[in-house]
Amino acid sequence: MSERRAEPRHNVVITIELAVERAHSLHACENLSAGGAFFRHAIPYKVGTQVHVTFGLPGERELIRCEGEVVNVPRPLEYGMGVKFLGLPDDVRARIAKFAEQASQPPEPR
């Protein structure tokens, strides 16, 4: 099976808010990239569902807000979904990618 993602995913856990219409929910992502996130323990929306995405990166004050689309529900009768971020400016994508790469590295020995 070929890799569909344009950006590398990193095992990073942060809280991301997803909103559909008036329903808002917080989810801990399992992995993160500049292009999206995967939520292992989320009750999935249907593939194609448009969501509003809001989250902050640790150490930053400015929240990241964008539209997203549910692009992957690996096991429809179980929990989990992948959300693709839409319309993020290049500088925001670069901030996410830098954070995710750094946060997924093991701590350096002292």
PDB file of N, CA and C in Angstrom:
ATOM      1  N   MET A   1       0.841  -1.175   0.000  1.00  0.00           N
ATOM      2  CA  MET A   1       0.000   0.000   0.000  1.00  0.00           C
ATOM      3  C   MET A   1       0.886   1.237   0.000  1.00  0.00           C
ATOM      4  N   SER A   2       0.607   2.217  -0.834  1.00  0.00           N
ATOM      5  CA  SER A   2       1.440   3.408  -0.924  1.00  0.00           C
ATOM      6  C   SER A   2       1.040   4.431   0.133  1.00  0.00           C
ATOM      7  N   GLU A   3       1.995   5.247   0.507  1.00  0.00           N
ATOM      8  CA  GLU A   3       1.775   6.286   1.510  1.00  0.00           C
ATOM      9  C   GLU A   3       1.028   7.444   0.864  1.00  0.00           C
ATOM     10  N   ARG A   4      -0.090   7.868   1.455  1.00  0.00           N
ATOM     11  CA  ARG A   4      -0.904   8.945   0.900  1.00  0.00           C
ATOM     12  C   ARG A   4      -0.554  10.297   1.504  1.00  0.00           C
ATOM     13  N   ARG A   5       0.190  10.318   2.571  1.00  0.00           N
ATOM     14  CA  ARG A   5       0.451  11.571   3.272  1.00  0.00           C
ATOM     15  C   ARG A   5       1.645  12.295   2.661  1.00  0.00           C
ATOM     16  N   ALA A   6       1.518  13.613   2.549  1.00  0.00           N
ATOM     17  CA  ALA A   6       2.608  14.418   2.001  1.00  0.00           C
ATOM     18  C   ALA A   6       3.622  14.787   3.072  1.00  0.00           C
ATOM     19  N   GLU A   7       3.207  14.802   4.331  1.00  0.00           N
ATOM     20  CA  GLU A   7       4.084  15.191   5.427  1.00  0.00           C
ATOM     21  C   GLU A   7       4.292  14.018   6.375  1.00  0.00           C
ATOM     22  N   PRO A   8       5.481  13.943   6.990  1.00  0.00           N
ATOM     23  CA  PRO A   8       5.701  12.870   7.968  1.00  0.00           C
ATOM     24  C   PRO A   8       4.841  13.075   9.207  1.00  0.00           C
ATOM     25  N   ARG A   9       4.322  11.966   9.731  1.00  0.00           N
ATOM     26  CA  ARG A   9       3.545  12.000  10.970  1.00  0.00           C
ATOM     27  C   ARG A   9       4.490  11.768  12.138  1.00  0.00           C
ATOM     28  N   HIS A  10       4.174  12.407  13.257  1.00  0.00           N
ATOM     29  CA  HIS A  10       4.992  12.255  14.457  1.00  0.00           C
ATOM     30  C   HIS A  10       4.089  11.860  15.618  1.00  0.00           C
ATOM     31  N   ASN A  11       4.580  10.952  16.442  1.00  0.00           N
ATOM     32  CA  ASN A  11       3.825  10.527  17.622  1.00  0.00           C
ATOM     33  C   ASN A  11       3.866  11.634  18.668  1.00  0.00           C
ATOM     34  N   VAL A  12       2.854  12.461  18.634  1.00  0.00           N
ATOM     35  CA  VAL A  12       2.732  13.607  19.523  1.00  0.00           C
ATOM     36  C   VAL A  12       1.300  13.627  20.031  1.00  0.00           C
ATOM     37  N   VAL A  13       1.137  13.824  21.319  1.00  0.00           N
ATOM     38  CA  VAL A  13      -0.204  13.895  21.895  1.00  0.00           C
ATOM     39  C   VAL A  13      -0.452  15.329  22.354  1.00  0.00           C
ATOM     40  N   ILE A  14      -1.417  15.982  21.703  1.00  0.00           N
ATOM     41  CA  ILE A  14      -1.899  17.289  22.153  1.00  0.00           C
ATOM     42  C   ILE A  14      -3.421  17.271  22.030  1.00  0.00           C
ATOM     43  N   THR A  15      -4.057  18.201  22.708  1.00  0.00           N
ATOM     44  CA  THR A  15      -5.512  18.293  22.664  1.00  0.00           C
ATOM     45  C   THR A  15      -5.924  19.213  21.527  1.00  0.00           C
ATOM     46  N   ILE A  16      -6.871  18.736  20.730  1.00  0.00           N
ATOM     47  CA  ILE A  16      -7.381  19.493  19.591  1.00  0.00           C
ATOM     48  C   ILE A  16      -8.899  19.536  19.687  1.00  0.00           C
ATOM     49  N   GLU A  17      -9.464  20.724  19.495  1.00  0.00           N
ATOM     50  CA  GLU A  17     -10.919  20.872  19.495  1.00  0.00           C
ATOM     51  C   GLU A  17     -11.440  20.690  18.073  1.00  0.00           C
ATOM     52  N   LEU A  18     -12.470  19.870  17.938  1.00  0.00           N
ATOM     53  CA  LEU A  18     -13.166  19.694  16.673  1.00  0.00           C
ATOM     54  C   LEU A  18     -14.597  20.162  16.867  1.00  0.00           C
ATOM     55  N   ALA A  19     -15.102  20.913  15.919  1.00  0.00           N
ATOM     56  CA  ALA A  19     -16.473  21.402  16.003  1.00  0.00           C
ATOM     57  C   ALA A  19     -17.188  21.122  14.693  1.00  0.00           C
ATOM     58  N   VAL A  20     -18.389  20.596  14.830  1.00  0.00           N
ATOM     59  CA  VAL A  20     -19.277  20.373  13.699  1.00  0.00           C
ATOM     60  C   VAL A  20     -20.590  21.046  14.061  1.00  0.00           C
ATOM     61  N   GLU A  21     -20.958  22.036  13.269  1.00  0.00           N
ATOM     62  CA  GLU A  21     -22.130  22.856  13.575  1.00  0.00           C
ATOM     63  C   GLU A  21     -21.982  23.406  14.986  1.00  0.00           C
ATOM     64  N   ARG A  22     -22.890  23.096  15.889  1.00  0.00           N
ATOM     65  CA  ARG A  22     -22.813  23.626  17.264  1.00  0.00           C
ATOM     66  C   ARG A  22     -22.202  22.640  18.246  1.00  0.00           C
ATOM     67  N   ALA A  23     -21.782  21.487  17.784  1.00  0.00           N
ATOM     68  CA  ALA A  23     -21.194  20.473  18.667  1.00  0.00           C
ATOM     69  C   ALA A  23     -19.681  20.644  18.699  1.00  0.00           C
ATOM     70  N   HIS A  24     -19.142  20.868  19.893  1.00  0.00           N
ATOM     71  CA  HIS A  24     -17.702  21.019  20.097  1.00  0.00           C
ATOM     72  C   HIS A  24     -17.219  19.854  20.956  1.00  0.00           C
ATOM     73  N   SER A  25     -16.063  19.307  20.595  1.00  0.00           N
ATOM     74  CA  SER A  25     -15.499  18.226  21.402  1.00  0.00           C
ATOM     75  C   SER A  25     -13.983  18.333  21.412  1.00  0.00           C
ATOM     76  N   LEU A  26     -13.387  17.917  22.517  1.00  0.00           N
ATOM     77  CA  LEU A  26     -11.937  17.907  22.653  1.00  0.00           C
ATOM     78  C   LEU A  26     -11.431  16.488  22.483  1.00  0.00           C
ATOM     79  N   HIS A  27     -10.337  16.345  21.744  1.00  0.00           N
ATOM     80  CA  HIS A  27      -9.763  15.034  21.481  1.00  0.00           C
ATOM     81  C   HIS A  27      -8.244  15.115  21.627  1.00  0.00           C
ATOM     82  N   ALA A  28      -7.652  14.062  22.149  1.00  0.00           N
ATOM     83  CA  ALA A  28      -6.189  13.960  22.184  1.00  0.00           C
ATOM     84  C   ALA A  28      -5.763  13.253  20.910  1.00  0.00           C
ATOM     85  N   CYS A  29      -4.936  13.927  20.114  1.00  0.00           N
ATOM     86  CA  CYS A  29      -4.471  13.273  18.894  1.00  0.00           C
ATOM     87  C   CYS A  29      -3.391  12.253  19.255  1.00  0.00           C
ATOM     88  N   GLU A  30      -3.264  11.242  18.425  1.00  0.00           N
ATOM     89  CA  GLU A  30      -2.231  10.224  18.605  1.00  0.00           C
ATOM     90  C   GLU A  30      -0.977  10.595  17.831  1.00  0.00           C
ATOM     91  N   ASN A  31      -1.179  11.191  16.667  1.00  0.00           N
ATOM     92  CA  ASN A  31      -0.037  11.680  15.902  1.00  0.00           C
ATOM     93  C   ASN A  31      -0.450  12.934  15.156  1.00  0.00           C
ATOM     94  N   LEU A  32       0.570  13.700  14.767  1.00  0.00           N
ATOM     95  CA  LEU A  32       0.354  15.027  14.215  1.00  0.00           C
ATOM     96  C   LEU A  32       1.333  15.270  13.091  1.00  0.00           C
ATOM     97  N   SER A  33       0.869  15.964  12.062  1.00  0.00           N
ATOM     98  CA  SER A  33       1.744  16.442  11.001  1.00  0.00           C
ATOM     99  C   SER A  33       1.239  17.814  10.583  1.00  0.00           C
ATOM    100  N   ALA A  34       1.963  18.464   9.707  1.00  0.00           N
ATOM    101  CA  ALA A  34       1.515  19.763   9.205  1.00  0.00           C
ATOM    102  C   ALA A  34       0.228  19.621   8.402  1.00  0.00           C
ATOM    103  N   GLY A  35      -0.070  18.407   7.966  1.00  0.00           N
ATOM    104  CA  GLY A  35      -1.251  18.186   7.136  1.00  0.00           C
ATOM    105  C   GLY A  35      -2.468  17.661   7.857  1.00  0.00           C
ATOM    106  N   GLY A  36      -2.308  17.222   9.123  1.00  0.00           N
ATOM    107  CA  GLY A  36      -3.468  16.694   9.821  1.00  0.00           C
ATOM    108  C   GLY A  36      -3.104  15.966  11.092  1.00  0.00           C
ATOM    109  N   ALA A  37      -4.098  15.266  11.635  1.00  0.00           N
ATOM    110  CA  ALA A  37      -3.920  14.548  12.897  1.00  0.00           C
ATOM    111  C   ALA A  37      -4.769  13.287  12.883  1.00  0.00           C
ATOM    112  N   PHE A  38      -4.341  12.316  13.692  1.00  0.00           N
ATOM    113  CA  PHE A  38      -5.136  11.103  13.862  1.00  0.00           C
ATOM    114  C   PHE A  38      -5.547  10.999  15.318  1.00  0.00           C
ATOM    115  N   PHE A  39      -6.824  10.679  15.522  1.00  0.00           N
ATOM    116  CA  PHE A  39      -7.412  10.573  16.847  1.00  0.00           C
ATOM    117  C   PHE A  39      -7.820   9.121  17.068  1.00  0.00           C
ATOM    118  N   ARG A  40      -7.075   8.394  17.885  1.00  0.00           N
ATOM    119  CA  ARG A  40      -7.305   6.951  18.088  1.00  0.00           C
ATOM    120  C   ARG A  40      -8.597   6.677  18.855  1.00  0.00           C
ATOM    121  N   HIS A  41      -8.914   7.464  19.863  1.00  0.00           N
ATOM    122  CA  HIS A  41     -10.029   7.143  20.751  1.00  0.00           C
ATOM    123  C   HIS A  41     -11.228   8.064  20.556  1.00  0.00           C
ATOM    124  N   ALA A  42     -11.388   8.587  19.347  1.00  0.00           N
ATOM    125  CA  ALA A  42     -12.510   9.482  19.071  1.00  0.00           C
ATOM    126  C   ALA A  42     -13.653   8.716  18.424  1.00  0.00           C
ATOM    127  N   ILE A  43     -14.874   9.071  18.802  1.00  0.00           N
ATOM    128  CA  ILE A  43     -16.024   8.537  18.083  1.00  0.00           C
ATOM    129  C   ILE A  43     -15.989   9.210  16.720  1.00  0.00           C
ATOM    130  N   PRO A  44     -15.843   8.435  15.653  1.00  0.00           N
ATOM    131  CA  PRO A  44     -15.586   9.058  14.355  1.00  0.00           C
ATOM    132  C   PRO A  44     -16.817   9.686  13.720  1.00  0.00           C
ATOM    133  N   TYR A  45     -16.539  10.784  13.019  1.00  0.00           N
ATOM    134  CA  TYR A  45     -17.523  11.340  12.099  1.00  0.00           C
ATOM    135  C   TYR A  45     -17.373  10.574  10.788  1.00  0.00           C
ATOM    136  N   LYS A  46     -18.339  10.692   9.919  1.00  0.00           N
ATOM    137  CA  LYS A  46     -18.268  10.022   8.635  1.00  0.00           C
ATOM    138  C   LYS A  46     -17.166  10.650   7.779  1.00  0.00           C
ATOM    139  N   VAL A  47     -16.509   9.831   6.952  1.00  0.00           N
ATOM    140  CA  VAL A  47     -15.516  10.343   6.007  1.00  0.00           C
ATOM    141  C   VAL A  47     -16.199  11.412   5.148  1.00  0.00           C
ATOM    142  N   GLY A  48     -15.498  12.532   4.982  1.00  0.00           N
ATOM    143  CA  GLY A  48     -16.031  13.651   4.223  1.00  0.00           C
ATOM    144  C   GLY A  48     -16.631  14.744   5.079  1.00  0.00           C
ATOM    145  N   THR A  49     -16.854  14.476   6.373  1.00  0.00           N
ATOM    146  CA  THR A  49     -17.416  15.487   7.267  1.00  0.00           C
ATOM    147  C   THR A  49     -16.446  16.654   7.401  1.00  0.00           C
ATOM    148  N   GLN A  50     -16.955  17.863   7.247  1.00  0.00           N
ATOM    149  CA  GLN A  50     -16.164  19.076   7.426  1.00  0.00           C
ATOM    150  C   GLN A  50     -16.207  19.462   8.907  1.00  0.00           C
ATOM    151  N   VAL A  51     -15.049  19.785   9.490  1.00  0.00           N
ATOM    152  CA  VAL A  51     -14.949  20.155  10.895  1.00  0.00           C
ATOM    153  C   VAL A  51     -14.169  21.455  11.027  1.00  0.00           C
ATOM    154  N   HIS A  52     -14.433  22.182  12.083  1.00  0.00           N
ATOM    155  CA  HIS A  52     -13.639  23.347  12.451  1.00  0.00           C
ATOM    156  C   HIS A  52     -12.592  22.845  13.451  1.00  0.00           C
ATOM    157  N   VAL A  53     -11.341  23.174  13.229  1.00  0.00           N
ATOM    158  CA  VAL A  53     -10.230  22.680  14.043  1.00  0.00           C
ATOM    159  C   VAL A  53      -9.607  23.852  14.785  1.00  0.00           C
ATOM    160  N   THR A  54      -9.382  23.680  16.098  1.00  0.00           N
ATOM    161  CA  THR A  54      -8.723  24.706  16.909  1.00  0.00           C
ATOM    162  C   THR A  54      -7.773  24.014  17.878  1.00  0.00           C
ATOM    163  N   PHE A  55      -6.528  24.490  17.920  1.00  0.00           N
ATOM    164  CA  PHE A  55      -5.583  23.965  18.901  1.00  0.00           C
ATOM    165  C   PHE A  55      -4.431  24.939  19.072  1.00  0.00           C
ATOM    166  N   GLY A  56      -3.743  24.756  20.184  1.00  0.00           N
ATOM    167  CA  GLY A  56      -2.550  25.547  20.461  1.00  0.00           C
ATOM    168  C   GLY A  56      -1.348  24.633  20.557  1.00  0.00           C
ATOM    169  N   LEU A  57      -0.219  25.158  20.172  1.00  0.00           N
ATOM    170  CA  LEU A  57       1.029  24.426  20.344  1.00  0.00           C
ATOM    171  C   LEU A  57       1.647  24.855  21.669  1.00  0.00           C
ATOM    172  N   PRO A  58       2.131  23.912  22.464  1.00  0.00           N
ATOM    173  CA  PRO A  58       2.747  24.277  23.740  1.00  0.00           C
ATOM    174  C   PRO A  58       3.833  25.337  23.543  1.00  0.00           C
ATOM    175  N   GLY A  59       3.806  26.336  24.411  1.00  0.00           N
ATOM    176  CA  GLY A  59       4.786  27.413  24.342  1.00  0.00           C
ATOM    177  C   GLY A  59       4.385  28.560  23.436  1.00  0.00           C
ATOM    178  N   GLU A  60       3.255  28.436  22.737  1.00  0.00           N
ATOM    179  CA  GLU A  60       2.778  29.507  21.855  1.00  0.00           C
ATOM    180  C   GLU A  60       1.459  30.051  22.390  1.00  0.00           C
ATOM    181  N   ARG A  61       1.251  31.333  22.192  1.00  0.00           N
ATOM    182  CA  ARG A  61       0.020  31.971  22.657  1.00  0.00           C
ATOM    183  C   ARG A  61      -1.084  31.924  21.596  1.00  0.00           C
ATOM    184  N   GLU A  62      -0.697  32.025  20.344  1.00  0.00           N
ATOM    185  CA  GLU A  62      -1.668  32.113  19.256  1.00  0.00           C
ATOM    186  C   GLU A  62      -2.254  30.733  18.923  1.00  0.00           C
ATOM    187  N   LEU A  63      -3.578  30.660  18.917  1.00  0.00           N
ATOM    188  CA  LEU A  63      -4.243  29.415  18.560  1.00  0.00           C
ATOM    189  C   LEU A  63      -4.213  29.214  17.053  1.00  0.00           C
ATOM    190  N   ILE A  64      -4.168  27.962  16.649  1.00  0.00           N
ATOM    191  CA  ILE A  64      -4.256  27.601  15.245  1.00  0.00           C
ATOM    192  C   ILE A  64      -5.701  27.233  14.973  1.00  0.00           C
ATOM    193  N   ARG A  65      -6.270  27.875  13.969  1.00  0.00           N
ATOM    194  CA  ARG A  65      -7.661  27.623  13.597  1.00  0.00           C
ATOM    195  C   ARG A  65      -7.706  27.371  12.095  1.00  0.00           C
ATOM    196  N   CYS A  66      -8.419  26.326  11.716  1.00  0.00           N
ATOM    197  CA  CYS A  66      -8.577  26.035  10.296  1.00  0.00           C
ATOM    198  C   CYS A  66      -9.779  25.134  10.093  1.00  0.00           C
ATOM    199  N   GLU A  67     -10.106  24.919   8.866  1.00  0.00           N
ATOM    200  CA  GLU A  67     -11.109  23.928   8.521  1.00  0.00           C
ATOM    201  C   GLU A  67     -10.403  22.594   8.384  1.00  0.00           C
ATOM    202  N   GLY A  68     -11.156  21.532   8.528  1.00  0.00           N
ATOM    203  CA  GLY A  68     -10.606  20.198   8.360  1.00  0.00           C
ATOM    204  C   GLY A  68     -11.637  19.288   7.731  1.00  0.00           C
ATOM    205  N   GLU A  69     -11.162  18.139   7.303  1.00  0.00           N
ATOM    206  CA  GLU A  69     -12.050  17.140   6.716  1.00  0.00           C
ATOM    207  C   GLU A  69     -11.669  15.771   7.241  1.00  0.00           C
ATOM    208  N   VAL A  70     -12.670  15.003   7.653  1.00  0.00           N
ATOM    209  CA  VAL A  70     -12.419  13.623   8.071  1.00  0.00           C
ATOM    210  C   VAL A  70     -12.096  12.835   6.797  1.00  0.00           C
ATOM    211  N   VAL A  71     -10.888  12.272   6.758  1.00  0.00           N
ATOM    212  CA  VAL A  71     -10.435  11.572   5.554  1.00  0.00           C
ATOM    213  C   VAL A  71     -10.211  10.091   5.776  1.00  0.00           C
ATOM    214  N   ASN A  72     -10.259   9.651   7.033  1.00  0.00           N
ATOM    215  CA  ASN A  72      -9.929   8.265   7.311  1.00  0.00           C
ATOM    216  C   ASN A  72     -10.648   7.791   8.567  1.00  0.00           C
ATOM    217  N   VAL A  73     -11.374   6.713   8.437  1.00  0.00           N
ATOM    218  CA  VAL A  73     -11.945   5.997   9.576  1.00  0.00           C
ATOM    219  C   VAL A  73     -11.526   4.546   9.369  1.00  0.00           C
ATOM    220  N   PRO A  74     -10.388   4.154   9.980  1.00  0.00           N
ATOM    221  CA  PRO A  74      -9.815   2.839   9.682  1.00  0.00           C
ATOM    222  C   PRO A  74     -10.721   1.661   9.969  1.00  0.00           C
ATOM    223  N   ARG A  75     -11.471   1.732  11.050  1.00  0.00           N
ATOM    224  CA  ARG A  75     -12.381   0.638  11.425  1.00  0.00           C
ATOM    225  C   ARG A  75     -13.728   1.259  11.753  1.00  0.00           C
ATOM    226  N   PRO A  76     -14.639   1.287  10.799  1.00  0.00           N
ATOM    227  CA  PRO A  76     -15.906   2.012  10.986  1.00  0.00           C
ATOM    228  C   PRO A  76     -16.697   1.636  12.229  1.00  0.00           C
ATOM    229  N   LEU A  77     -16.552   0.426  12.733  1.00  0.00           N
ATOM    230  CA  LEU A  77     -17.322   0.033  13.914  1.00  0.00           C
ATOM    231  C   LEU A  77     -16.541   0.232  15.210  1.00  0.00           C
ATOM    232  N   GLU A  78     -15.383   0.891  15.126  1.00  0.00           N
ATOM    233  CA  GLU A  78     -14.564   1.175  16.303  1.00  0.00           C
ATOM    234  C   GLU A  78     -14.281   2.673  16.368  1.00  0.00           C
ATOM    235  N   TYR A  79     -13.511   3.061  17.363  1.00  0.00           N
ATOM    236  CA  TYR A  79     -13.155   4.470  17.520  1.00  0.00           C
ATOM    237  C   TYR A  79     -11.928   4.812  16.687  1.00  0.00           C
ATOM    238  N   GLY A  80     -11.820   6.078  16.275  1.00  0.00           N
ATOM    239  CA  GLY A  80     -10.648   6.575  15.582  1.00  0.00           C
ATOM    240  C   GLY A  80     -10.982   7.224  14.256  1.00  0.00           C
ATOM    241  N   MET A  81     -10.250   8.319  13.948  1.00  0.00           N
ATOM    242  CA  MET A  81     -10.432   8.996  12.662  1.00  0.00           C
ATOM    243  C   MET A  81      -9.234   9.881  12.370  1.00  0.00           C
ATOM    244  N   GLY A  82      -8.977  10.063  11.093  1.00  0.00           N
ATOM    245  CA  GLY A  82      -7.942  10.973  10.635  1.00  0.00           C
ATOM    246  C   GLY A  82      -8.587  12.223  10.078  1.00  0.00           C
ATOM    247  N   VAL A  83      -8.026  13.377  10.441  1.00  0.00           N
ATOM    248  CA  VAL A  83      -8.543  14.655   9.976  1.00  0.00           C
ATOM    249  C   VAL A  83      -7.434  15.383   9.231  1.00  0.00           C
ATOM    250  N   LYS A  84      -7.755  15.823   8.023  1.00  0.00           N
ATOM    251  CA  LYS A  84      -6.829  16.595   7.201  1.00  0.00           C
ATOM    252  C   LYS A  84      -7.090  18.078   7.435  1.00  0.00           C
ATOM    253  N   PHE A  85      -6.018  18.841   7.697  1.00  0.00           N
ATOM    254  CA  PHE A  85      -6.145  20.289   7.872  1.00  0.00           C
ATOM    255  C   PHE A  85      -6.246  20.930   6.492  1.00  0.00           C
ATOM    256  N   LEU A  86      -7.152  21.895   6.353  1.00  0.00           N
ATOM    257  CA  LEU A  86      -7.362  22.568   5.071  1.00  0.00           C
ATOM    258  C   LEU A  86      -7.066  24.055   5.191  1.00  0.00           C
ATOM    259  N   GLY A  87      -6.414  24.602   4.194  1.00  0.00           N
ATOM    260  CA  GLY A  87      -6.244  26.044   4.096  1.00  0.00           C
ATOM    261  C   GLY A  87      -5.260  26.679   5.054  1.00  0.00           C
ATOM    262  N   LEU A  88      -4.344  25.911   5.620  1.00  0.00           N
ATOM    263  CA  LEU A  88      -3.357  26.508   6.525  1.00  0.00           C
ATOM    264  C   LEU A  88      -2.278  27.234   5.730  1.00  0.00           C
ATOM    265  N   PRO A  89      -1.923  28.439   6.140  1.00  0.00           N
ATOM    266  CA  PRO A  89      -0.815  29.135   5.497  1.00  0.00           C
ATOM    267  C   PRO A  89       0.496  28.365   5.712  1.00  0.00           C
ATOM    268  N   ASP A  90       1.439  28.562   4.809  1.00  0.00           N
ATOM    269  CA  ASP A  90       2.717  27.844   4.876  1.00  0.00           C
ATOM    270  C   ASP A  90       3.458  28.072   6.187  1.00  0.00           C
ATOM    271  N   ASP A  91       3.394  29.306   6.737  1.00  0.00           N
ATOM    272  CA  ASP A  91       4.122  29.569   7.979  1.00  0.00           C
ATOM    273  C   ASP A  91       3.519  28.790   9.147  1.00  0.00           C
ATOM    274  N   VAL A  92       2.206  28.609   9.162  1.00  0.00           N
ATOM    275  CA  VAL A  92       1.556  27.841  10.228  1.00  0.00           C
ATOM    276  C   VAL A  92       1.882  26.358  10.060  1.00  0.00           C
ATOM    277  N   ARG A  93       1.850  25.871   8.827  1.00  0.00           N
ATOM    278  CA  ARG A  93       2.219  24.482   8.566  1.00  0.00           C
ATOM    279  C   ARG A  93       3.651  24.219   9.027  1.00  0.00           C
ATOM    280  N   ALA A  94       4.539  25.175   8.791  1.00  0.00           N
ATOM    281  CA  ALA A  94       5.937  25.023   9.207  1.00  0.00           C
ATOM    282  C   ALA A  94       6.045  24.988  10.727  1.00  0.00           C
ATOM    283  N   ARG A  95       5.261  25.815  11.439  1.00  0.00           N
ATOM    284  CA  ARG A  95       5.269  25.788  12.911  1.00  0.00           C
ATOM    285  C   ARG A  95       4.807  24.443  13.437  1.00  0.00           C
ATOM    286  N   ILE A  96       3.749  23.899  12.849  1.00  0.00           N
ATOM    287  CA  ILE A  96       3.239  22.594  13.287  1.00  0.00           C
ATOM    288  C   ILE A  96       4.285  21.519  13.031  1.00  0.00           C
ATOM    289  N   ALA A  97       4.856  21.518  11.838  1.00  0.00           N
ATOM    290  CA  ALA A  97       5.851  20.500  11.479  1.00  0.00           C
ATOM    291  C   ALA A  97       7.057  20.559  12.407  1.00  0.00           C
ATOM    292  N   LYS A  98       7.536  21.760  12.707  1.00  0.00           N
ATOM    293  CA  LYS A  98       8.699  21.920  13.590  1.00  0.00           C
ATOM    294  C   LYS A  98       8.368  21.424  14.995  1.00  0.00           C
ATOM    295  N   PHE A  99       7.205  21.835  15.521  1.00  0.00           N
ATOM    296  CA  PHE A  99       6.809  21.383  16.852  1.00  0.00           C
ATOM    297  C   PHE A  99       6.697  19.858  16.900  1.00  0.00           C
ATOM    298  N   ALA A 100       5.994  19.268  15.933  1.00  0.00           N
ATOM    299  CA  ALA A 100       5.751  17.824  15.936  1.00  0.00           C
ATOM    300  C   ALA A 100       7.061  17.047  15.870  1.00  0.00           C
ATOM    301  N   GLU A 101       7.977  17.506  15.036  1.00  0.00           N
ATOM    302  CA  GLU A 101       9.264  16.816  14.921  1.00  0.00           C
ATOM    303  C   GLU A 101      10.049  16.907  16.227  1.00  0.00           C
ATOM    304  N   GLN A 102      10.103  18.097  16.814  1.00  0.00           N
ATOM    305  CA  GLN A 102      10.854  18.274  18.059  1.00  0.00           C
ATOM    306  C   GLN A 102      10.201  17.519  19.216  1.00  0.00           C
ATOM    307  N   ALA A 103       8.882  17.559  19.297  1.00  0.00           N
ATOM    308  CA  ALA A 103       8.175  16.922  20.417  1.00  0.00           C
ATOM    309  C   ALA A 103       8.246  15.400  20.352  1.00  0.00           C
ATOM    310  N   SER A 104       8.456  14.852  19.174  1.00  0.00           N
ATOM    311  CA  SER A 104       8.489  13.395  19.056  1.00  0.00           C
ATOM    312  C   SER A 104       9.883  12.815  19.284  1.00  0.00           C
ATOM    313  N   GLN A 105      10.880  13.678  19.431  1.00  0.00           N
ATOM    314  CA  GLN A 105      12.248  13.206  19.676  1.00  0.00           C
ATOM    315  C   GLN A 105      12.416  12.804  21.139  1.00  0.00           C
ATOM    316  N   PRO A 106      13.139  11.730  21.386  1.00  0.00           N
ATOM    317  CA  PRO A 106      13.391  11.378  22.791  1.00  0.00           C
ATOM    318  C   PRO A 106      14.266  12.448  23.444  1.00  0.00           C
ATOM    319  N   PRO A 107      14.120  12.653  24.751  1.00  0.00           N
ATOM    320  CA  PRO A 107      14.933  13.672  25.421  1.00  0.00           C
ATOM    321  C   PRO A 107      16.404  13.296  25.355  1.00  0.00           C
ATOM    322  N   GLU A 108      17.225  14.315  25.228  1.00  0.00           N
ATOM    323  CA  GLU A 108      18.677  14.079  25.190  1.00  0.00           C
ATOM    324  C   GLU A 108      19.156  13.696  26.577  1.00  0.00           C
ATOM    325  N   PRO A 109      20.106  12.738  26.659  1.00  0.00           N
ATOM    326  CA  PRO A 109      20.642  12.361  27.972  1.00  0.00           C
ATOM    327  C   PRO A 109      21.393  13.520  28.605  1.00  0.00           C
ATOM    328  N   ARG A 110      21.375  13.554  29.899  1.00  0.00           N
ATOM    329  CA  ARG A 110      22.060  14.650  30.618  1.00  0.00           C
ATOM    330  C   ARG A 110      23.482  14.303  30.897  1.00  0.00           C
TER     331      ARG A 110
END
